[in-house]
């Protein structure tokens, strides 16, 4: 059975988890960026979907969270 969602590989948001480590955060950023790059390669830079745009938003939010909340509190290196 095929997924019915147009974006079957969405990431679980931070509000659905109690904790996430640095490795998991970086992995999520890589997944988001990978989807965007794949669409750019297949469809062209000017033809990425709204899903790819949302992937960039999610990656940006995660990176901002890492810098301001995690590293800002001295919990990461």
PDB file of N, CA and C in Angstrom:
ATOM      1  N   UNK A   1       0.844  -1.187   0.000  1.00  0.00           N
ATOM      2  CA  UNK A   1       0.000   0.000   0.000  1.00  0.00           C
ATOM      3  C   UNK A   1       0.882   1.240   0.000  1.00  0.00           C
ATOM      4  N   UNK A   2       0.577   2.166  -0.873  1.00  0.00           N
ATOM      5  CA  UNK A   2       1.334   3.409  -0.972  1.00  0.00           C
ATOM      6  C   UNK A   2       0.831   4.415   0.054  1.00  0.00           C
ATOM      7  N   UNK A   3       1.732   5.250   0.580  1.00  0.00           N
ATOM      8  CA  UNK A   3       1.286   6.294   1.513  1.00  0.00           C
ATOM      9  C   UNK A   3       0.347   7.259   0.813  1.00  0.00           C
ATOM     10  N   UNK A   4      -0.647   7.744   1.514  1.00  0.00           N
ATOM     11  CA  UNK A   4      -1.590   8.691   0.931  1.00  0.00           C
ATOM     12  C   UNK A   4      -1.151  10.135   1.121  1.00  0.00           C
ATOM     13  N   UNK A   5      -0.249  10.368   2.042  1.00  0.00           N
ATOM     14  CA  UNK A   5       0.236  11.714   2.297  1.00  0.00           C
ATOM     15  C   UNK A   5       1.177  12.164   1.188  1.00  0.00           C
ATOM     16  N   UNK A   6       1.131  13.441   0.797  1.00  0.00           N
ATOM     17  CA  UNK A   6       2.083  13.925  -0.199  1.00  0.00           C
ATOM     18  C   UNK A   6       3.510  13.977   0.345  1.00  0.00           C
ATOM     19  N   UNK A   7       3.659  13.958   1.659  1.00  0.00           N
ATOM     20  CA  UNK A   7       4.980  14.003   2.309  1.00  0.00           C
ATOM     21  C   UNK A   7       5.037  12.895   3.366  1.00  0.00           C
ATOM     22  N   UNK A   8       5.210  11.639   2.928  1.00  0.00           N
ATOM     23  CA  UNK A   8       5.136  10.523   3.876  1.00  0.00           C
ATOM     24  C   UNK A   8       6.311  10.430   4.833  1.00  0.00           C
ATOM     25  N   UNK A   9       7.357  11.226   4.627  1.00  0.00           N
ATOM     26  CA  UNK A   9       8.545  11.116   5.464  1.00  0.00           C
ATOM     27  C   UNK A   9       8.751  12.351   6.322  1.00  0.00           C
ATOM     28  N   UNK A  10       7.707  12.833   6.948  1.00  0.00           N
ATOM     29  CA  UNK A  10       7.849  14.015   7.791  1.00  0.00           C
ATOM     30  C   UNK A  10       8.499  13.636   9.111  1.00  0.00           C
ATOM     31  N   UNK A  11       9.153  14.589   9.698  1.00  0.00           N
ATOM     32  CA  UNK A  11       9.840  14.382  10.965  1.00  0.00           C
ATOM     33  C   UNK A  11       8.902  14.660  12.129  1.00  0.00           C
ATOM     34  N   UNK A  12       9.102  13.949  13.226  1.00  0.00           N
ATOM     35  CA  UNK A  12       8.331  14.191  14.436  1.00  0.00           C
ATOM     36  C   UNK A  12       8.848  15.478  15.063  1.00  0.00           C
ATOM     37  N   UNK A  13       7.948  16.347  15.479  1.00  0.00           N
ATOM     38  CA  UNK A  13       8.338  17.619  16.070  1.00  0.00           C
ATOM     39  C   UNK A  13       8.855  17.466  17.487  1.00  0.00           C
ATOM     40  N   UNK A  14       9.573  18.476  17.962  1.00  0.00           N
ATOM     41  CA  UNK A  14      10.155  18.440  19.304  1.00  0.00           C
ATOM     42  C   UNK A  14       9.081  18.303  20.384  1.00  0.00           C
ATOM     43  N   UNK A  15       7.894  18.831  20.128  1.00  0.00           N
ATOM     44  CA  UNK A  15       6.851  18.784  21.146  1.00  0.00           C
ATOM     45  C   UNK A  15       6.367  17.353  21.414  1.00  0.00           C
ATOM     46  N   UNK A  16       6.675  16.418  20.501  1.00  0.00           N
ATOM     47  CA  UNK A  16       6.248  15.032  20.666  1.00  0.00           C
ATOM     48  C   UNK A  16       7.293  14.173  21.364  1.00  0.00           C
ATOM     49  N   UNK A  17       8.375  14.773  21.808  1.00  0.00           N
ATOM     50  CA  UNK A  17       9.450  14.030  22.442  1.00  0.00           C
ATOM     51  C   UNK A  17       9.847  14.701  23.743  1.00  0.00           C
ATOM     52  N   UNK A  18      10.421  13.895  24.635  1.00  0.00           N
ATOM     53  CA  UNK A  18      10.895  14.449  25.894  1.00  0.00           C
ATOM     54  C   UNK A  18      12.328  14.936  25.779  1.00  0.00           C
ATOM     55  N   UNK A  19      13.157  14.224  25.017  1.00  0.00           N
ATOM     56  CA  UNK A  19      14.538  14.650  24.838  1.00  0.00           C
ATOM     57  C   UNK A  19      15.072  14.130  23.515  1.00  0.00           C
ATOM     58  N   UNK A  20      16.094  14.811  23.049  1.00  0.00           N
ATOM     59  CA  UNK A  20      16.752  14.427  21.805  1.00  0.00           C
ATOM     60  C   UNK A  20      18.214  14.817  21.951  1.00  0.00           C
ATOM     61  N   UNK A  21      19.110  13.961  21.510  1.00  0.00           N
ATOM     62  CA  UNK A  21      20.515  14.284  21.673  1.00  0.00           C
ATOM     63  C   UNK A  21      21.086  14.955  20.430  1.00  0.00           C
ATOM     64  N   UNK A  22      22.323  15.407  20.533  1.00  0.00           N
ATOM     65  CA  UNK A  22      22.974  16.148  19.463  1.00  0.00           C
ATOM     66  C   UNK A  22      23.020  15.335  18.167  1.00  0.00           C
ATOM     67  N   UNK A  23      23.351  14.059  18.269  1.00  0.00           N
ATOM     68  CA  UNK A  23      23.432  13.206  17.095  1.00  0.00           C
ATOM     69  C   UNK A  23      22.082  13.113  16.393  1.00  0.00           C
ATOM     70  N   UNK A  24      21.009  12.983  17.163  1.00  0.00           N
ATOM     71  CA  UNK A  24      19.674  12.917  16.578  1.00  0.00           C
ATOM     72  C   UNK A  24      19.293  14.238  15.919  1.00  0.00           C
ATOM     73  N   UNK A  25      19.664  15.347  16.547  1.00  0.00           N
ATOM     74  CA  UNK A  25      19.375  16.657  15.967  1.00  0.00           C
ATOM     75  C   UNK A  25      20.078  16.816  14.623  1.00  0.00           C
ATOM     76  N   UNK A  26      21.356  16.471  14.592  1.00  0.00           N
ATOM     77  CA  UNK A  26      22.108  16.590  13.345  1.00  0.00           C
ATOM     78  C   UNK A  26      21.560  15.657  12.275  1.00  0.00           C
ATOM     79  N   UNK A  27      21.124  14.468  12.666  1.00  0.00           N
ATOM     80  CA  UNK A  27      20.542  13.525  11.706  1.00  0.00           C
ATOM     81  C   UNK A  27      19.264  14.104  11.096  1.00  0.00           C
ATOM     82  N   UNK A  28      18.444  14.723  11.909  1.00  0.00           N
ATOM     83  CA  UNK A  28      17.215  15.331  11.390  1.00  0.00           C
ATOM     84  C   UNK A  28      17.510  16.451  10.413  1.00  0.00           C
ATOM     85  N   UNK A  29      18.514  17.262  10.738  1.00  0.00           N
ATOM     86  CA  UNK A  29      18.902  18.340   9.833  1.00  0.00           C
ATOM     87  C   UNK A  29      19.367  17.751   8.504  1.00  0.00           C
ATOM     88  N   UNK A  30      20.158  16.687   8.566  1.00  0.00           N
ATOM     89  CA  UNK A  30      20.644  16.046   7.333  1.00  0.00           C
ATOM     90  C   UNK A  30      19.498  15.483   6.497  1.00  0.00           C
ATOM     91  N   UNK A  31      18.520  14.871   7.145  1.00  0.00           N
ATOM     92  CA  UNK A  31      17.361  14.329   6.424  1.00  0.00           C
ATOM     93  C   UNK A  31      16.609  15.457   5.719  1.00  0.00           C
ATOM     94  N   UNK A  32      16.379  16.537   6.432  1.00  0.00           N
ATOM     95  CA  UNK A  32      15.668  17.676   5.838  1.00  0.00           C
ATOM     96  C   UNK A  32      16.435  18.244   4.648  1.00  0.00           C
ATOM     97  N   UNK A  33      17.729  18.428   4.815  1.00  0.00           N
ATOM     98  CA  UNK A  33      18.531  18.993   3.738  1.00  0.00           C
ATOM     99  C   UNK A  33      18.630  18.022   2.564  1.00  0.00           C
ATOM    100  N   UNK A  34      18.702  16.732   2.849  1.00  0.00           N
ATOM    101  CA  UNK A  34      18.793  15.731   1.788  1.00  0.00           C
ATOM    102  C   UNK A  34      17.570  15.742   0.894  1.00  0.00           C
ATOM    103  N   UNK A  35      16.395  15.873   1.476  1.00  0.00           N
ATOM    104  CA  UNK A  35      15.174  15.927   0.687  1.00  0.00           C
ATOM    105  C   UNK A  35      15.130  17.141  -0.214  1.00  0.00           C
ATOM    106  N   UNK A  36      15.572  18.254   0.295  1.00  0.00           N
ATOM    107  CA  UNK A  36      15.592  19.485  -0.484  1.00  0.00           C
ATOM    108  C   UNK A  36      16.584  19.383  -1.637  1.00  0.00           C
ATOM    109  N   UNK A  37      17.776  18.874  -1.351  1.00  0.00           N
ATOM    110  CA  UNK A  37      18.793  18.729  -2.390  1.00  0.00           C
ATOM    111  C   UNK A  37      18.326  17.754  -3.461  1.00  0.00           C
ATOM    112  N   UNK A  38      17.691  16.664  -3.054  1.00  0.00           N
ATOM    113  CA  UNK A  38      17.190  15.690  -4.025  1.00  0.00           C
ATOM    114  C   UNK A  38      16.186  16.335  -4.977  1.00  0.00           C
ATOM    115  N   UNK A  39      15.279  17.129  -4.437  1.00  0.00           N
ATOM    116  CA  UNK A  39      14.305  17.805  -5.300  1.00  0.00           C
ATOM    117  C   UNK A  39      14.977  18.803  -6.228  1.00  0.00           C
ATOM    118  N   UNK A  40      15.985  19.516  -5.731  1.00  0.00           N
ATOM    119  CA  UNK A  40      16.697  20.463  -6.590  1.00  0.00           C
ATOM    120  C   UNK A  40      17.396  19.738  -7.736  1.00  0.00           C
ATOM    121  N   UNK A  41      17.983  18.570  -7.445  1.00  0.00           N
ATOM    122  CA  UNK A  41      18.678  17.811  -8.482  1.00  0.00           C
ATOM    123  C   UNK A  41      17.712  17.249  -9.515  1.00  0.00           C
ATOM    124  N   UNK A  42      16.568  16.771  -9.066  1.00  0.00           N
ATOM    125  CA  UNK A  42      15.609  16.145  -9.967  1.00  0.00           C
ATOM    126  C   UNK A  42      14.795  17.182 -10.740  1.00  0.00           C
ATOM    127  N   UNK A  43      14.282  18.187 -10.040  1.00  0.00           N
ATOM    128  CA  UNK A  43      13.348  19.126 -10.650  1.00  0.00           C
ATOM    129  C   UNK A  43      13.950  20.483 -11.005  1.00  0.00           C
ATOM    130  N   UNK A  44      15.106  20.800 -10.463  1.00  0.00           N
ATOM    131  CA  UNK A  44      15.731  22.108 -10.676  1.00  0.00           C
ATOM    132  C   UNK A  44      15.497  23.011  -9.481  1.00  0.00           C
ATOM    133  N   UNK A  45      16.419  23.923  -9.260  1.00  0.00           N
ATOM    134  CA  UNK A  45      16.383  24.786  -8.070  1.00  0.00           C
ATOM    135  C   UNK A  45      15.110  25.627  -7.988  1.00  0.00           C
ATOM    136  N   UNK A  46      14.553  26.007  -9.100  1.00  0.00           N
ATOM    137  CA  UNK A  46      13.358  26.838  -9.095  1.00  0.00           C
ATOM    138  C   UNK A  46      12.062  26.052  -9.012  1.00  0.00           C
ATOM    139  N   UNK A  47      12.147  24.745  -8.935  1.00  0.00           N
ATOM    140  CA  UNK A  47      10.952  23.904  -8.977  1.00  0.00           C
ATOM    141  C   UNK A  47      10.780  23.007  -7.748  1.00  0.00           C
ATOM    142  N   UNK A  48      11.368  23.380  -6.618  1.00  0.00           N
ATOM    143  CA  UNK A  48      11.210  22.553  -5.417  1.00  0.00           C
ATOM    144  C   UNK A  48       9.803  22.715  -4.864  1.00  0.00           C
ATOM    145  N   UNK A  49       9.305  21.670  -4.219  1.00  0.00           N
ATOM    146  CA  UNK A  49       7.937  21.667  -3.708  1.00  0.00           C
ATOM    147  C   UNK A  49       7.821  22.414  -2.387  1.00  0.00           C
ATOM    148  N   UNK A  50       6.596  22.594  -1.960  1.00  0.00           N
ATOM    149  CA  UNK A  50       6.362  23.213  -0.651  1.00  0.00           C
ATOM    150  C   UNK A  50       6.891  22.312   0.454  1.00  0.00           C
ATOM    151  N   UNK A  51       6.933  21.009   0.214  1.00  0.00           N
ATOM    152  CA  UNK A  51       7.506  20.083   1.205  1.00  0.00           C
ATOM    153  C   UNK A  51       8.981  20.338   1.408  1.00  0.00           C
ATOM    154  N   UNK A  52       9.702  20.604   0.321  1.00  0.00           N
ATOM    155  CA  UNK A  52      11.131  20.908   0.426  1.00  0.00           C
ATOM    156  C   UNK A  52      11.334  22.236   1.153  1.00  0.00           C
ATOM    157  N   UNK A  53      10.463  23.185   0.887  1.00  0.00           N
ATOM    158  CA  UNK A  53      10.538  24.467   1.590  1.00  0.00           C
ATOM    159  C   UNK A  53      10.310  24.267   3.078  1.00  0.00           C
ATOM    160  N   UNK A  54       9.360  23.412   3.430  1.00  0.00           N
ATOM    161  CA  UNK A  54       9.111  23.116   4.839  1.00  0.00           C
ATOM    162  C   UNK A  54      10.298  22.380   5.454  1.00  0.00           C
ATOM    163  N   UNK A  55      10.944  21.507   4.678  1.00  0.00           N
ATOM    164  CA  UNK A  55      12.148  20.826   5.170  1.00  0.00           C
ATOM    165  C   UNK A  55      13.215  21.846   5.554  1.00  0.00           C
ATOM    166  N   UNK A  56      13.409  22.862   4.716  1.00  0.00           N
ATOM    167  CA  UNK A  56      14.385  23.912   5.038  1.00  0.00           C
ATOM    168  C   UNK A  56      13.992  24.658   6.309  1.00  0.00           C
ATOM    169  N   UNK A  57      12.693  24.915   6.466  1.00  0.00           N
ATOM    170  CA  UNK A  57      12.215  25.592   7.671  1.00  0.00           C
ATOM    171  C   UNK A  57      12.515  24.748   8.903  1.00  0.00           C
ATOM    172  N   UNK A  58      12.233  23.444   8.813  1.00  0.00           N
ATOM    173  CA  UNK A  58      12.479  22.555   9.946  1.00  0.00           C
ATOM    174  C   UNK A  58      13.973  22.480  10.282  1.00  0.00           C
ATOM    175  N   UNK A  59      14.815  22.392   9.251  1.00  0.00           N
ATOM    176  CA  UNK A  59      16.260  22.332   9.478  1.00  0.00           C
ATOM    177  C   UNK A  59      16.750  23.616  10.135  1.00  0.00           C
ATOM    178  N   UNK A  60      16.223  24.745   9.682  1.00  0.00           N
ATOM    179  CA  UNK A  60      16.605  26.034  10.258  1.00  0.00           C
ATOM    180  C   UNK A  60      16.172  26.128  11.722  1.00  0.00           C
ATOM    181  N   UNK A  61      14.950  25.698  12.014  1.00  0.00           N
ATOM    182  CA  UNK A  61      14.466  25.725  13.394  1.00  0.00           C
ATOM    183  C   UNK A  61      15.307  24.831  14.296  1.00  0.00           C
ATOM    184  N   UNK A  62      15.664  23.641  13.811  1.00  0.00           N
ATOM    185  CA  UNK A  62      16.468  22.727  14.614  1.00  0.00           C
ATOM    186  C   UNK A  62      17.860  23.306  14.856  1.00  0.00           C
ATOM    187  N   UNK A  63      18.473  23.875  13.821  1.00  0.00           N
ATOM    188  CA  UNK A  63      19.797  24.474  13.973  1.00  0.00           C
ATOM    189  C   UNK A  63      19.742  25.650  14.942  1.00  0.00           C
ATOM    190  N   UNK A  64      18.706  26.472  14.821  1.00  0.00           N
ATOM    191  CA  UNK A  64      18.561  27.612  15.732  1.00  0.00           C
ATOM    192  C   UNK A  64      18.394  27.129  17.175  1.00  0.00           C
ATOM    193  N   UNK A  65      17.586  26.096  17.355  1.00  0.00           N
ATOM    194  CA  UNK A  65      17.385  25.517  18.689  1.00  0.00           C
ATOM    195  C   UNK A  65      18.710  25.005  19.253  1.00  0.00           C
ATOM    196  N   UNK A  66      19.490  24.318  18.416  1.00  0.00           N
ATOM    197  CA  UNK A  66      20.773  23.787  18.881  1.00  0.00           C
ATOM    198  C   UNK A  66      21.696  24.901  19.349  1.00  0.00           C
ATOM    199  N   UNK A  67      21.754  25.969  18.585  1.00  0.00           N
ATOM    200  CA  UNK A  67      22.666  27.065  18.914  1.00  0.00           C
ATOM    201  C   UNK A  67      22.180  27.857  20.122  1.00  0.00           C
ATOM    202  N   UNK A  68      20.905  28.185  20.160  1.00  0.00           N
ATOM    203  CA  UNK A  68      20.420  29.065  21.226  1.00  0.00           C
ATOM    204  C   UNK A  68      20.079  28.332  22.509  1.00  0.00           C
ATOM    205  N   UNK A  69      19.590  27.106  22.420  1.00  0.00           N
ATOM    206  CA  UNK A  69      19.157  26.404  23.625  1.00  0.00           C
ATOM    207  C   UNK A  69      20.189  25.387  24.125  1.00  0.00           C
ATOM    208  N   UNK A  70      20.745  24.616  23.241  1.00  0.00           N
ATOM    209  CA  UNK A  70      21.669  23.563  23.654  1.00  0.00           C
ATOM    210  C   UNK A  70      23.065  24.126  23.852  1.00  0.00           C
ATOM    211  N   UNK A  71      23.661  24.658  22.793  1.00  0.00           N
ATOM    212  CA  UNK A  71      25.010  25.186  22.930  1.00  0.00           C
ATOM    213  C   UNK A  71      25.017  26.459  23.760  1.00  0.00           C
ATOM    214  N   UNK A  72      23.957  27.219  23.704  1.00  0.00           N
ATOM    215  CA  UNK A  72      23.867  28.436  24.497  1.00  0.00           C
ATOM    216  C   UNK A  72      23.899  28.173  25.983  1.00  0.00           C
ATOM    217  N   UNK A  73      23.489  26.972  26.382  1.00  0.00           N
ATOM    218  CA  UNK A  73      23.497  26.590  27.793  1.00  0.00           C
ATOM    219  C   UNK A  73      24.752  25.809  28.159  1.00  0.00           C
ATOM    220  N   UNK A  74      25.699  25.685  27.205  1.00  0.00           N
ATOM    221  CA  UNK A  74      26.944  24.983  27.480  1.00  0.00           C
ATOM    222  C   UNK A  74      26.805  23.482  27.498  1.00  0.00           C
ATOM    223  N   UNK A  75      25.748  22.946  26.854  1.00  0.00           N
ATOM    224  CA  UNK A  75      25.520  21.504  26.873  1.00  0.00           C
ATOM    225  C   UNK A  75      26.154  20.795  25.675  1.00  0.00           C
ATOM    226  N   UNK A  76      26.623  21.515  24.682  1.00  0.00           N
ATOM    227  CA  UNK A  76      27.201  20.901  23.504  1.00  0.00           C
ATOM    228  C   UNK A  76      28.545  21.499  23.190  1.00  0.00           C
ATOM    229  N   UNK A  77      29.217  20.871  22.249  1.00  0.00           N
ATOM    230  CA  UNK A  77      30.515  21.396  21.822  1.00  0.00           C
ATOM    231  C   UNK A  77      30.551  21.511  20.334  1.00  0.00           C
TER     232      UNK A  77
END
